Amino acid sequence: MTSSTQLYGQLFGFLRQYCRAQDLRHLKALAWMVSALICSGQLSLPAWEPYVPSRATKAQSMERRWRRFLDNQRVRVSRLYVPLVLAALSGWRQHRLYLALDTTVLWDRYCMIHLSVVCCGRAVPLLWRVLEHGSATVAFKEYQPLLRKARWLLRQHEDVMLLADRGFANHEFMGWLQTSQWHYCFRLPCDVVLHGASKYPSVVGTLYPPLGEARLYRQVRL
């Protein structure tokens, strides 16, 4: 038995335990794709062929199999993937959970909004949404459904910290966070004007502490 076959058996058992699929062939195809991805170390359909036992004599036959899975409208990725992530997070309820909200622009045409779990310096995707939008800056209404769903999925986690980049610093988002009971941390551009306890507003760039130090400001408003 090859290592890819052993890995497939473990993956299929894990998927079958946590994912409810109407057709087990979907889980079998997914398990083979994941095991081939791990064994080959490449995100390339032709590179997976040597790691999947098949009676097919041509690599194109295997590629068509993967394409059918990827193009199948009945296969809902979130129904297969999200239960696995939640199962992995079930042991973290006693610790702070860090989430990262970010965007990625693809081919100057599509914008992918992704909410990820930060683990060991890596961002593991939890929820995502793709828009036909050529900019990395998106309106709050576009990612608010992701936040609502994440809050419901992570309702058993009492200590959640959300990290976000400068493109997400807006009043609507911060208002939502204040009612969500999540902690949050934003990276702001140096030219953002803040209003604090003093009479006059201040620019973020003038508030930087010395290197290696941190400074806390209370009652700050954008």
N, C-alpha and C. Protein backbone atom coordinates (compact mmCIF):
# COMPACT_ATOMS: atom_id res chain seq x y z
N MET A 1 0.85 -1.20 0.00
CA MET A 1 0.00 0.00 0.00
C MET A 1 0.88 1.25 0.00
N THR A 2 0.67 2.15 -0.93
CA THR A 2 1.47 3.35 -1.04
C THR A 2 1.08 4.36 0.04
N SER A 3 1.97 5.34 0.24
CA SER A 3 1.68 6.36 1.25
C SER A 3 0.46 7.18 0.88
N SER A 4 0.25 7.42 -0.43
CA SER A 4 -0.92 8.19 -0.84
C SER A 4 -2.20 7.42 -0.57
N THR A 5 -2.16 6.08 -0.72
CA THR A 5 -3.34 5.27 -0.44
C THR A 5 -3.66 5.27 1.05
N GLN A 6 -2.64 5.17 1.88
CA GLN A 6 -2.85 5.23 3.33
C GLN A 6 -3.42 6.59 3.74
N LEU A 7 -2.87 7.64 3.16
CA LEU A 7 -3.35 8.99 3.47
C LEU A 7 -4.80 9.16 3.02
N TYR A 8 -5.11 8.60 1.85
CA TYR A 8 -6.49 8.67 1.35
C TYR A 8 -7.45 8.01 2.33
N GLY A 9 -7.08 6.83 2.86
CA GLY A 9 -7.95 6.14 3.80
C GLY A 9 -8.22 6.95 5.05
N GLN A 10 -7.18 7.61 5.56
CA GLN A 10 -7.36 8.44 6.75
C GLN A 10 -8.21 9.67 6.46
N LEU A 11 -7.97 10.30 5.31
CA LEU A 11 -8.74 11.49 4.95
C LEU A 11 -10.21 11.16 4.71
N PHE A 12 -10.46 10.05 4.03
CA PHE A 12 -11.84 9.68 3.74
C PHE A 12 -12.61 9.39 5.03
N GLY A 13 -11.96 8.69 5.96
CA GLY A 13 -12.61 8.43 7.25
C GLY A 13 -12.90 9.70 8.01
N PHE A 14 -11.96 10.65 7.96
CA PHE A 14 -12.16 11.92 8.65
C PHE A 14 -13.28 12.74 8.00
N LEU A 15 -13.27 12.79 6.68
CA LEU A 15 -14.31 13.54 5.96
C LEU A 15 -15.69 12.93 6.20
N ARG A 16 -15.74 11.62 6.18
CA ARG A 16 -17.03 10.94 6.35
C ARG A 16 -17.59 11.17 7.75
N GLN A 17 -16.71 11.38 8.72
CA GLN A 17 -17.15 11.58 10.10
C GLN A 17 -17.76 12.95 10.31
N TYR A 18 -17.20 13.98 9.66
CA TYR A 18 -17.62 15.35 9.94
C TYR A 18 -18.44 16.00 8.83
N CYS A 19 -18.42 15.45 7.63
CA CYS A 19 -19.12 16.07 6.51
C CYS A 19 -20.28 15.19 6.08
N ARG A 20 -21.42 15.80 5.89
CA ARG A 20 -22.61 15.08 5.45
C ARG A 20 -22.82 15.31 3.96
N ALA A 21 -22.41 14.36 3.18
CA ALA A 21 -22.55 14.46 1.73
C ALA A 21 -23.64 13.52 1.25
N GLN A 22 -24.46 13.97 0.33
CA GLN A 22 -25.51 13.12 -0.21
C GLN A 22 -24.93 12.01 -1.08
N ASP A 23 -23.81 12.27 -1.69
CA ASP A 23 -23.17 11.29 -2.57
C ASP A 23 -21.74 11.07 -2.07
N LEU A 24 -21.44 9.84 -1.62
CA LEU A 24 -20.11 9.56 -1.08
C LEU A 24 -19.02 9.68 -2.14
N ARG A 25 -19.41 9.63 -3.40
CA ARG A 25 -18.40 9.78 -4.45
C ARG A 25 -17.75 11.17 -4.39
N HIS A 26 -18.51 12.16 -3.91
CA HIS A 26 -17.93 13.49 -3.75
C HIS A 26 -16.81 13.46 -2.71
N LEU A 27 -17.04 12.77 -1.60
CA LEU A 27 -16.02 12.68 -0.56
C LEU A 27 -14.82 11.88 -1.02
N LYS A 28 -15.06 10.82 -1.79
CA LYS A 28 -13.95 10.02 -2.31
C LYS A 28 -13.07 10.85 -3.24
N ALA A 29 -13.71 11.59 -4.13
CA ALA A 29 -12.94 12.44 -5.04
C ALA A 29 -12.16 13.50 -4.28
N LEU A 30 -12.80 14.10 -3.28
CA LEU A 30 -12.13 15.13 -2.48
C LEU A 30 -10.96 14.54 -1.71
N ALA A 31 -11.14 13.36 -1.13
CA ALA A 31 -10.05 12.73 -0.37
C ALA A 31 -8.86 12.42 -1.27
N TRP A 32 -9.12 11.93 -2.49
CA TRP A 32 -8.03 11.66 -3.42
C TRP A 32 -7.34 12.96 -3.84
N MET A 33 -8.09 14.01 -4.06
CA MET A 33 -7.50 15.28 -4.46
C MET A 33 -6.61 15.85 -3.36
N VAL A 34 -7.07 15.79 -2.12
CA VAL A 34 -6.28 16.33 -1.01
C VAL A 34 -5.02 15.50 -0.79
N SER A 35 -5.14 14.17 -0.83
CA SER A 35 -3.97 13.31 -0.63
C SER A 35 -2.96 13.51 -1.75
N ALA A 36 -3.43 13.65 -3.00
CA ALA A 36 -2.51 13.89 -4.11
C ALA A 36 -1.85 15.26 -4.00
N LEU A 37 -2.60 16.25 -3.52
CA LEU A 37 -2.04 17.58 -3.31
C LEU A 37 -0.92 17.55 -2.28
N ILE A 38 -1.15 16.82 -1.18
CA ILE A 38 -0.14 16.73 -0.12
C ILE A 38 1.08 15.97 -0.61
N CYS A 39 0.87 14.84 -1.28
CA CYS A 39 1.99 14.01 -1.72
C CYS A 39 2.81 14.67 -2.83
N SER A 40 2.14 15.37 -3.74
CA SER A 40 2.86 16.02 -4.84
C SER A 40 3.45 17.36 -4.44
N GLY A 41 2.80 18.02 -3.48
CA GLY A 41 3.26 19.34 -3.08
C GLY A 41 3.03 20.39 -4.13
N GLN A 42 2.12 20.12 -5.07
CA GLN A 42 1.87 21.05 -6.16
C GLN A 42 0.38 21.28 -6.35
N LEU A 43 0.01 22.52 -6.62
CA LEU A 43 -1.38 22.85 -6.92
C LEU A 43 -1.56 22.76 -8.44
N SER A 44 -1.42 21.53 -8.94
CA SER A 44 -1.47 21.28 -10.38
C SER A 44 -2.17 19.96 -10.62
N LEU A 45 -3.24 19.97 -11.41
CA LEU A 45 -3.99 18.74 -11.64
C LEU A 45 -3.16 17.65 -12.31
N PRO A 46 -2.35 17.94 -13.34
CA PRO A 46 -1.54 16.87 -13.93
C PRO A 46 -0.55 16.25 -12.96
N ALA A 47 -0.06 17.03 -11.99
CA ALA A 47 0.92 16.50 -11.04
C ALA A 47 0.31 15.53 -10.05
N TRP A 48 -1.00 15.47 -9.94
CA TRP A 48 -1.66 14.58 -8.99
C TRP A 48 -1.79 13.15 -9.53
N GLU A 49 -1.72 12.99 -10.83
CA GLU A 49 -2.03 11.70 -11.47
C GLU A 49 -1.22 10.52 -10.92
N PRO A 50 0.11 10.65 -10.68
CA PRO A 50 0.88 9.49 -10.19
C PRO A 50 0.48 9.02 -8.80
N TYR A 51 -0.24 9.84 -8.04
CA TYR A 51 -0.56 9.50 -6.65
C TYR A 51 -1.98 8.98 -6.47
N VAL A 52 -2.68 8.77 -7.57
CA VAL A 52 -4.06 8.29 -7.50
C VAL A 52 -4.20 7.01 -8.32
N PRO A 53 -4.46 5.87 -7.67
CA PRO A 53 -4.67 4.62 -8.42
C PRO A 53 -5.89 4.74 -9.32
N SER A 54 -5.74 4.33 -10.57
CA SER A 54 -6.85 4.43 -11.51
C SER A 54 -6.61 3.49 -12.68
N ARG A 55 -7.70 3.06 -13.28
CA ARG A 55 -7.61 2.24 -14.48
C ARG A 55 -7.46 3.09 -15.73
N ALA A 56 -7.53 4.40 -15.57
CA ALA A 56 -7.37 5.29 -16.72
C ALA A 56 -5.94 5.21 -17.24
N THR A 57 -5.80 5.20 -18.55
CA THR A 57 -4.48 5.07 -19.19
C THR A 57 -3.89 6.42 -19.57
N LYS A 58 -4.68 7.48 -19.51
CA LYS A 58 -4.20 8.80 -19.89
C LYS A 58 -4.42 9.78 -18.75
N ALA A 59 -3.46 10.68 -18.60
CA ALA A 59 -3.56 11.66 -17.53
C ALA A 59 -4.77 12.57 -17.72
N GLN A 60 -5.17 12.79 -18.99
CA GLN A 60 -6.31 13.66 -19.25
C GLN A 60 -7.58 13.11 -18.62
N SER A 61 -7.68 11.77 -18.52
CA SER A 61 -8.87 11.17 -17.91
C SER A 61 -8.97 11.55 -16.44
N MET A 62 -7.83 11.56 -15.73
CA MET A 62 -7.83 11.94 -14.33
C MET A 62 -8.15 13.44 -14.19
N GLU A 63 -7.60 14.24 -15.08
CA GLU A 63 -7.87 15.67 -15.01
C GLU A 63 -9.35 15.96 -15.21
N ARG A 64 -9.97 15.24 -16.14
CA ARG A 64 -11.40 15.44 -16.36
C ARG A 64 -12.20 15.07 -15.11
N ARG A 65 -11.71 14.06 -14.39
CA ARG A 65 -12.38 13.67 -13.15
C ARG A 65 -12.34 14.80 -12.13
N TRP A 66 -11.19 15.43 -11.99
CA TRP A 66 -11.07 16.54 -11.04
C TRP A 66 -11.91 17.72 -11.50
N ARG A 67 -11.91 17.97 -12.81
CA ARG A 67 -12.68 19.08 -13.34
C ARG A 67 -14.18 18.89 -13.10
N ARG A 68 -14.64 17.67 -13.25
CA ARG A 68 -16.06 17.41 -13.00
C ARG A 68 -16.42 17.72 -11.55
N PHE A 69 -15.51 17.38 -10.64
CA PHE A 69 -15.75 17.66 -9.23
C PHE A 69 -15.77 19.17 -8.99
N LEU A 70 -14.79 19.88 -9.54
CA LEU A 70 -14.68 21.32 -9.31
C LEU A 70 -15.83 22.09 -9.95
N ASP A 71 -16.37 21.57 -11.05
CA ASP A 71 -17.46 22.25 -11.76
C ASP A 71 -18.84 21.78 -11.34
N ASN A 72 -18.91 20.81 -10.44
CA ASN A 72 -20.20 20.26 -10.02
C ASN A 72 -20.91 21.26 -9.11
N GLN A 73 -22.06 21.75 -9.55
CA GLN A 73 -22.80 22.74 -8.79
C GLN A 73 -23.41 22.17 -7.51
N ARG A 74 -23.52 20.84 -7.43
CA ARG A 74 -24.10 20.23 -6.23
C ARG A 74 -23.08 20.11 -5.10
N VAL A 75 -21.82 20.26 -5.43
CA VAL A 75 -20.77 20.19 -4.41
C VAL A 75 -20.62 21.57 -3.78
N ARG A 76 -20.97 21.69 -2.52
CA ARG A 76 -20.84 22.95 -1.78
C ARG A 76 -19.58 22.87 -0.91
N VAL A 77 -18.60 23.66 -1.28
CA VAL A 77 -17.31 23.60 -0.59
C VAL A 77 -17.46 23.91 0.89
N SER A 78 -18.29 24.89 1.22
CA SER A 78 -18.43 25.29 2.62
C SER A 78 -19.00 24.16 3.47
N ARG A 79 -19.89 23.35 2.90
CA ARG A 79 -20.47 22.24 3.66
C ARG A 79 -19.45 21.14 3.93
N LEU A 80 -18.45 21.04 3.08
CA LEU A 80 -17.40 20.05 3.28
C LEU A 80 -16.28 20.60 4.17
N TYR A 81 -15.96 21.87 4.00
CA TYR A 81 -14.77 22.44 4.62
C TYR A 81 -15.02 22.99 6.02
N VAL A 82 -16.07 23.78 6.19
CA VAL A 82 -16.31 24.46 7.46
C VAL A 82 -16.44 23.49 8.63
N PRO A 83 -17.16 22.36 8.52
CA PRO A 83 -17.22 21.42 9.66
C PRO A 83 -15.85 20.90 10.08
N LEU A 84 -14.93 20.75 9.12
CA LEU A 84 -13.58 20.29 9.47
C LEU A 84 -12.83 21.35 10.27
N VAL A 85 -12.97 22.60 9.87
CA VAL A 85 -12.30 23.68 10.60
C VAL A 85 -12.87 23.81 12.01
N LEU A 86 -14.18 23.73 12.14
CA LEU A 86 -14.80 23.84 13.46
C LEU A 86 -14.40 22.68 14.35
N ALA A 87 -14.25 21.49 13.77
CA ALA A 87 -13.79 20.34 14.56
C ALA A 87 -12.37 20.57 15.07
N ALA A 88 -11.52 21.18 14.23
CA ALA A 88 -10.15 21.47 14.65
C ALA A 88 -10.11 22.55 15.72
N LEU A 89 -11.08 23.48 15.68
CA LEU A 89 -11.10 24.58 16.65
C LEU A 89 -11.79 24.22 17.96
N SER A 90 -12.41 23.06 18.01
CA SER A 90 -13.19 22.69 19.21
C SER A 90 -12.32 22.61 20.46
N GLY A 91 -11.03 22.34 20.30
CA GLY A 91 -10.14 22.26 21.45
C GLY A 91 -9.53 23.59 21.85
N TRP A 92 -9.90 24.67 21.18
CA TRP A 92 -9.31 25.99 21.45
C TRP A 92 -10.24 26.89 22.25
N ARG A 93 -11.32 26.38 22.74
CA ARG A 93 -12.32 27.23 23.38
C ARG A 93 -11.82 27.87 24.67
N GLN A 94 -10.80 27.30 25.28
CA GLN A 94 -10.26 27.86 26.51
C GLN A 94 -9.15 28.87 26.25
N HIS A 95 -8.84 29.10 24.98
CA HIS A 95 -7.76 30.02 24.62
C HIS A 95 -8.30 31.12 23.71
N ARG A 96 -7.55 32.20 23.62
CA ARG A 96 -7.95 33.28 22.71
C ARG A 96 -7.82 32.81 21.26
N LEU A 97 -8.84 33.11 20.47
CA LEU A 97 -8.86 32.75 19.06
C LEU A 97 -8.61 34.01 18.24
N TYR A 98 -7.59 33.98 17.41
CA TYR A 98 -7.24 35.12 16.57
C TYR A 98 -7.78 34.92 15.16
N LEU A 99 -8.51 35.93 14.67
CA LEU A 99 -9.02 35.92 13.31
C LEU A 99 -8.38 37.07 12.53
N ALA A 100 -8.15 36.85 11.25
CA ALA A 100 -7.58 37.89 10.38
C ALA A 100 -8.52 38.13 9.21
N LEU A 101 -8.86 39.37 8.98
CA LEU A 101 -9.72 39.76 7.86
C LEU A 101 -8.86 40.48 6.83
N ASP A 102 -8.91 40.00 5.59
CA ASP A 102 -8.05 40.57 4.56
C ASP A 102 -8.71 40.40 3.19
N THR A 103 -8.13 41.03 2.19
CA THR A 103 -8.62 40.92 0.82
C THR A 103 -7.46 40.60 -0.11
N THR A 104 -7.76 39.95 -1.22
CA THR A 104 -6.79 39.64 -2.26
C THR A 104 -7.42 39.95 -3.61
N VAL A 105 -6.73 40.72 -4.43
CA VAL A 105 -7.23 41.06 -5.76
C VAL A 105 -6.63 40.10 -6.77
N LEU A 106 -7.47 39.48 -7.59
CA LEU A 106 -7.05 38.49 -8.57
C LEU A 106 -7.28 39.04 -9.98
N TRP A 107 -6.20 39.08 -10.76
CA TRP A 107 -6.25 39.50 -12.17
C TRP A 107 -6.87 40.88 -12.36
N ASP A 108 -6.74 41.74 -11.34
CA ASP A 108 -7.28 43.10 -11.41
C ASP A 108 -8.78 43.13 -11.72
N ARG A 109 -9.45 42.04 -11.42
CA ARG A 109 -10.88 41.97 -11.73
C ARG A 109 -11.71 41.47 -10.56
N TYR A 110 -11.18 40.52 -9.81
CA TYR A 110 -11.93 39.91 -8.72
C TYR A 110 -11.27 40.24 -7.38
N CYS A 111 -12.09 40.42 -6.38
CA CYS A 111 -11.61 40.67 -5.02
C CYS A 111 -12.11 39.55 -4.11
N MET A 112 -11.19 38.87 -3.47
CA MET A 112 -11.54 37.79 -2.55
C MET A 112 -11.42 38.30 -1.12
N ILE A 113 -12.53 38.29 -0.41
CA ILE A 113 -12.55 38.67 1.01
C ILE A 113 -12.45 37.39 1.82
N HIS A 114 -11.44 37.28 2.67
CA HIS A 114 -11.28 36.05 3.43
C HIS A 114 -11.08 36.33 4.91
N LEU A 115 -11.81 35.58 5.71
CA LEU A 115 -11.69 35.62 7.17
C LEU A 115 -11.00 34.34 7.60
N SER A 116 -9.83 34.47 8.21
CA SER A 116 -8.99 33.31 8.50
C SER A 116 -8.69 33.19 9.98
N VAL A 117 -8.34 31.98 10.39
CA VAL A 117 -7.88 31.70 11.75
C VAL A 117 -6.36 31.75 11.74
N VAL A 118 -5.78 32.53 12.64
CA VAL A 118 -4.33 32.65 12.72
C VAL A 118 -3.80 31.53 13.61
N CYS A 119 -2.90 30.72 13.06
CA CYS A 119 -2.35 29.57 13.80
C CYS A 119 -0.90 29.39 13.40
N CYS A 120 0.00 29.46 14.38
CA CYS A 120 1.43 29.21 14.15
C CYS A 120 1.99 30.09 13.03
N GLY A 121 1.57 31.33 13.01
CA GLY A 121 2.06 32.25 11.99
C GLY A 121 1.42 32.10 10.63
N ARG A 122 0.45 31.21 10.51
CA ARG A 122 -0.25 31.00 9.24
C ARG A 122 -1.70 31.41 9.36
N ALA A 123 -2.30 31.76 8.23
CA ALA A 123 -3.72 32.11 8.19
C ALA A 123 -4.49 30.98 7.53
N VAL A 124 -5.30 30.28 8.30
CA VAL A 124 -6.10 29.16 7.80
C VAL A 124 -7.49 29.69 7.45
N PRO A 125 -7.90 29.65 6.19
CA PRO A 125 -9.20 30.23 5.81
C PRO A 125 -10.35 29.60 6.58
N LEU A 126 -11.28 30.45 7.01
CA LEU A 126 -12.51 29.99 7.65
C LEU A 126 -13.71 30.26 6.75
N LEU A 127 -13.88 31.51 6.33
CA LEU A 127 -14.96 31.90 5.43
C LEU A 127 -14.40 32.84 4.37
N TRP A 128 -15.04 32.88 3.22
CA TRP A 128 -14.56 33.74 2.15
C TRP A 128 -15.70 34.11 1.22
N ARG A 129 -15.46 35.16 0.44
CA ARG A 129 -16.42 35.60 -0.56
C ARG A 129 -15.65 36.26 -1.70
N VAL A 130 -16.07 36.00 -2.93
CA VAL A 130 -15.41 36.56 -4.11
C VAL A 130 -16.37 37.52 -4.81
N LEU A 131 -15.88 38.73 -5.09
CA LEU A 131 -16.67 39.75 -5.77
C LEU A 131 -15.99 40.14 -7.07
N GLU A 132 -16.77 40.55 -8.05
CA GLU A 132 -16.20 41.14 -9.25
C GLU A 132 -15.94 42.61 -8.95
N HIS A 133 -14.74 42.86 -8.45
CA HIS A 133 -14.39 44.18 -7.91
C HIS A 133 -12.89 44.32 -8.04
N GLY A 134 -12.44 45.34 -8.73
CA GLY A 134 -11.02 45.47 -9.05
C GLY A 134 -10.17 46.14 -8.00
N SER A 135 -10.70 46.38 -6.81
CA SER A 135 -9.95 47.07 -5.76
C SER A 135 -9.94 46.23 -4.49
N ALA A 136 -8.88 46.40 -3.69
CA ALA A 136 -8.78 45.67 -2.42
C ALA A 136 -9.63 46.30 -1.33
N THR A 137 -10.13 47.50 -1.56
CA THR A 137 -10.99 48.18 -0.59
C THR A 137 -12.45 47.90 -0.92
N VAL A 138 -13.18 47.36 0.04
CA VAL A 138 -14.58 47.00 -0.19
C VAL A 138 -15.45 47.63 0.90
N ALA A 139 -16.72 47.81 0.58
CA ALA A 139 -17.66 48.40 1.52
C ALA A 139 -18.01 47.41 2.62
N PHE A 140 -18.40 47.93 3.77
CA PHE A 140 -18.72 47.08 4.92
C PHE A 140 -19.84 46.11 4.61
N LYS A 141 -20.82 46.53 3.81
CA LYS A 141 -21.96 45.66 3.50
C LYS A 141 -21.55 44.41 2.75
N GLU A 142 -20.38 44.43 2.09
CA GLU A 142 -19.93 43.28 1.32
C GLU A 142 -19.38 42.17 2.22
N TYR A 143 -18.78 42.52 3.35
CA TYR A 143 -18.22 41.48 4.22
C TYR A 143 -18.98 41.33 5.54
N GLN A 144 -20.01 42.12 5.74
CA GLN A 144 -20.81 41.97 6.95
C GLN A 144 -21.44 40.58 7.06
N PRO A 145 -21.96 39.97 5.96
CA PRO A 145 -22.50 38.60 6.08
C PRO A 145 -21.46 37.59 6.55
N LEU A 146 -20.20 37.75 6.15
CA LEU A 146 -19.15 36.85 6.63
C LEU A 146 -18.97 36.98 8.14
N LEU A 147 -18.99 38.22 8.62
CA LEU A 147 -18.80 38.45 10.06
C LEU A 147 -19.96 37.87 10.86
N ARG A 148 -21.17 38.05 10.37
CA ARG A 148 -22.34 37.51 11.08
C ARG A 148 -22.27 35.99 11.16
N LYS A 149 -21.91 35.36 10.04
CA LYS A 149 -21.83 33.91 10.03
C LYS A 149 -20.71 33.42 10.93
N ALA A 150 -19.57 34.11 10.91
CA ALA A 150 -18.45 33.72 11.77
C ALA A 150 -18.82 33.86 13.24
N ARG A 151 -19.53 34.92 13.59
CA ARG A 151 -19.92 35.10 14.99
C ARG A 151 -20.84 33.97 15.44
N TRP A 152 -21.72 33.52 14.55
CA TRP A 152 -22.62 32.41 14.90
C TRP A 152 -21.85 31.09 14.98
N LEU A 153 -20.94 30.84 14.06
CA LEU A 153 -20.17 29.60 14.07
C LEU A 153 -19.26 29.52 15.28
N LEU A 154 -18.75 30.67 15.72
CA LEU A 154 -17.79 30.71 16.83
C LEU A 154 -18.44 31.16 18.13
N ARG A 155 -19.73 30.94 18.24
CA ARG A 155 -20.46 31.40 19.44
C ARG A 155 -20.00 30.71 20.71
N GLN A 156 -19.35 29.54 20.61
CA GLN A 156 -18.85 28.84 21.78
C GLN A 156 -17.50 29.38 22.24
N HIS A 157 -16.88 30.23 21.44
CA HIS A 157 -15.58 30.81 21.80
C HIS A 157 -15.81 32.18 22.44
N GLU A 158 -15.46 32.30 23.68
CA GLU A 158 -15.72 33.53 24.43
C GLU A 158 -14.66 34.60 24.22
N ASP A 159 -13.47 34.22 23.78
CA ASP A 159 -12.36 35.17 23.65
C ASP A 159 -11.87 35.16 22.20
N VAL A 160 -12.35 36.12 21.41
CA VAL A 160 -11.99 36.20 20.00
C VAL A 160 -11.37 37.57 19.73
N MET A 161 -10.23 37.57 19.07
CA MET A 161 -9.54 38.80 18.68
C MET A 161 -9.50 38.88 17.16
N LEU A 162 -10.06 39.94 16.60
CA LEU A 162 -10.08 40.13 15.15
C LEU A 162 -8.99 41.13 14.75
N LEU A 163 -8.16 40.73 13.80
CA LEU A 163 -7.11 41.59 13.27
C LEU A 163 -7.50 42.03 11.87
N ALA A 164 -7.33 43.31 11.57
CA ALA A 164 -7.71 43.83 10.25
C ALA A 164 -6.72 44.89 9.80
N ASP A 165 -6.59 45.01 8.49
CA ASP A 165 -5.66 45.97 7.90
C ASP A 165 -6.32 47.34 7.77
N ARG A 166 -5.55 48.28 7.27
CA ARG A 166 -6.01 49.68 7.19
C ARG A 166 -7.24 49.86 6.31
N GLY A 167 -7.44 49.00 5.33
CA GLY A 167 -8.57 49.14 4.43
C GLY A 167 -9.91 48.89 5.08
N PHE A 168 -9.92 48.34 6.29
CA PHE A 168 -11.17 48.01 6.98
C PHE A 168 -11.51 49.00 8.09
N ALA A 169 -10.73 50.03 8.25
CA ALA A 169 -10.98 51.00 9.33
C ALA A 169 -12.09 51.95 8.91
N ASN A 170 -13.32 51.62 9.26
CA ASN A 170 -14.45 52.50 8.97
C ASN A 170 -15.43 52.46 10.13
N HIS A 171 -16.30 53.45 10.20
CA HIS A 171 -17.19 53.59 11.35
C HIS A 171 -18.19 52.45 11.45
N GLU A 172 -18.71 51.99 10.31
CA GLU A 172 -19.71 50.92 10.35
C GLU A 172 -19.11 49.64 10.92
N PHE A 173 -17.92 49.29 10.47
CA PHE A 173 -17.27 48.08 10.94
C PHE A 173 -16.96 48.17 12.43
N MET A 174 -16.44 49.29 12.87
CA MET A 174 -16.09 49.44 14.28
C MET A 174 -17.34 49.44 15.15
N GLY A 175 -18.43 50.01 14.64
CA GLY A 175 -19.69 49.95 15.38
C GLY A 175 -20.18 48.52 15.54
N TRP A 176 -20.03 47.72 14.47
CA TRP A 176 -20.43 46.31 14.54
C TRP A 176 -19.57 45.56 15.56
N LEU A 177 -18.28 45.83 15.56
CA LEU A 177 -17.37 45.14 16.48
C LEU A 177 -17.70 45.47 17.94
N GLN A 178 -18.09 46.68 18.20
CA GLN A 178 -18.39 47.07 19.58
C GLN A 178 -19.60 46.34 20.13
N THR A 179 -20.49 45.89 19.27
CA THR A 179 -21.66 45.12 19.71
C THR A 179 -21.45 43.62 19.60
N SER A 180 -20.34 43.19 19.01
CA SER A 180 -20.10 41.76 18.78
C SER A 180 -19.47 41.06 19.97
N GLN A 181 -18.93 41.82 20.92
CA GLN A 181 -18.21 41.29 22.08
C GLN A 181 -16.88 40.65 21.67
N TRP A 182 -16.41 40.95 20.47
CA TRP A 182 -15.08 40.52 20.05
C TRP A 182 -14.07 41.62 20.39
N HIS A 183 -12.84 41.22 20.66
CA HIS A 183 -11.75 42.18 20.72
C HIS A 183 -11.30 42.47 19.28
N TYR A 184 -10.64 43.59 19.06
CA TYR A 184 -10.21 43.89 17.70
C TYR A 184 -8.97 44.77 17.72
N CYS A 185 -8.21 44.67 16.64
CA CYS A 185 -6.97 45.43 16.49
C CYS A 185 -6.84 45.82 15.02
N PHE A 186 -6.69 47.13 14.75
CA PHE A 186 -6.57 47.64 13.40
C PHE A 186 -5.18 48.24 13.18
N ARG A 187 -4.69 48.11 11.97
CA ARG A 187 -3.50 48.86 11.56
C ARG A 187 -3.97 50.05 10.75
N LEU A 188 -3.66 51.26 11.22
CA LEU A 188 -4.18 52.47 10.60
C LEU A 188 -3.10 53.19 9.81
N PRO A 189 -3.46 53.86 8.71
CA PRO A 189 -2.50 54.69 7.99
C PRO A 189 -2.02 55.84 8.86
N CYS A 190 -0.81 56.32 8.59
CA CYS A 190 -0.22 57.34 9.45
C CYS A 190 -0.93 58.69 9.33
N ASP A 191 -1.75 58.88 8.27
CA ASP A 191 -2.40 60.18 8.10
C ASP A 191 -3.83 60.21 8.63
N VAL A 192 -4.27 59.15 9.31
CA VAL A 192 -5.62 59.13 9.88
C VAL A 192 -5.68 60.08 11.07
N VAL A 193 -6.75 60.85 11.15
CA VAL A 193 -6.92 61.82 12.23
C VAL A 193 -7.75 61.18 13.34
N LEU A 194 -7.23 61.25 14.57
CA LEU A 194 -7.90 60.69 15.74
C LEU A 194 -8.32 61.81 16.69
N HIS A 195 -9.44 61.60 17.33
CA HIS A 195 -9.93 62.53 18.35
C HIS A 195 -9.87 61.83 19.70
N GLY A 196 -9.18 62.44 20.65
CA GLY A 196 -9.04 61.84 21.96
C GLY A 196 -9.55 62.75 23.05
N ALA A 197 -8.95 62.57 24.24
CA ALA A 197 -9.38 63.37 25.39
C ALA A 197 -8.94 64.83 25.28
N SER A 198 -7.88 65.09 24.49
CA SER A 198 -7.40 66.46 24.35
C SER A 198 -8.33 67.27 23.46
N LYS A 199 -8.14 68.57 23.46
CA LYS A 199 -9.03 69.47 22.73
C LYS A 199 -8.85 69.36 21.23
N TYR A 200 -7.61 69.13 20.78
CA TYR A 200 -7.30 69.14 19.36
C TYR A 200 -7.08 67.71 18.85
N PRO A 201 -7.47 67.43 17.61
CA PRO A 201 -7.24 66.10 17.04
C PRO A 201 -5.76 65.86 16.75
N SER A 202 -5.41 64.60 16.59
CA SER A 202 -4.01 64.23 16.34
C SER A 202 -3.95 63.27 15.15
N VAL A 203 -2.84 63.34 14.44
CA VAL A 203 -2.59 62.42 13.33
C VAL A 203 -1.87 61.19 13.89
N VAL A 204 -2.22 60.02 13.39
CA VAL A 204 -1.66 58.77 13.90
C VAL A 204 -0.13 58.79 13.85
N GLY A 205 0.43 59.36 12.79
CA GLY A 205 1.89 59.37 12.64
C GLY A 205 2.62 60.09 13.75
N THR A 206 1.94 61.01 14.46
CA THR A 206 2.58 61.75 15.55
C THR A 206 2.46 61.03 16.90
N LEU A 207 1.76 59.92 16.92
CA LEU A 207 1.52 59.22 18.17
C LEU A 207 2.36 57.96 18.33
N TYR A 208 3.23 57.68 17.35
CA TYR A 208 4.02 56.46 17.42
C TYR A 208 4.93 56.48 18.65
N PRO A 209 4.99 55.40 19.42
CA PRO A 209 5.91 55.32 20.56
C PRO A 209 7.32 55.00 20.08
N PRO A 210 8.32 55.14 20.92
CA PRO A 210 9.68 54.75 20.54
C PRO A 210 9.76 53.27 20.20
N LEU A 211 10.76 52.91 19.43
CA LEU A 211 10.94 51.53 19.00
C LEU A 211 11.08 50.61 20.21
N GLY A 212 10.32 49.52 20.20
CA GLY A 212 10.36 48.56 21.29
C GLY A 212 9.41 48.85 22.42
N GLU A 213 8.62 49.93 22.30
CA GLU A 213 7.67 50.30 23.34
C GLU A 213 6.25 50.30 22.80
N ALA A 214 5.29 50.27 23.69
CA ALA A 214 3.87 50.35 23.34
C ALA A 214 3.24 51.46 24.15
N ARG A 215 2.21 52.07 23.60
CA ARG A 215 1.56 53.18 24.29
C ARG A 215 0.05 53.02 24.16
N LEU A 216 -0.67 53.23 25.23
CA LEU A 216 -2.12 53.06 25.26
C LEU A 216 -2.80 54.42 25.35
N TYR A 217 -3.76 54.63 24.46
CA TYR A 217 -4.55 55.86 24.47
C TYR A 217 -6.01 55.50 24.71
N ARG A 218 -6.63 56.16 25.63
CA ARG A 218 -8.02 55.89 25.97
C ARG A 218 -8.95 56.92 25.32
N GLN A 219 -10.21 56.53 25.17
CA GLN A 219 -11.26 57.41 24.65
C GLN A 219 -10.86 58.01 23.30
N VAL A 220 -10.48 57.13 22.39
CA VAL A 220 -10.06 57.55 21.05
C VAL A 220 -11.20 57.35 20.08
N ARG A 221 -11.42 58.33 19.21
CA ARG A 221 -12.46 58.25 18.18
C ARG A 221 -11.85 58.58 16.82
N LEU A 222 -12.35 57.90 15.78
CA LEU A 222 -11.91 58.20 14.42
C LEU A 222 -12.60 59.46 13.92
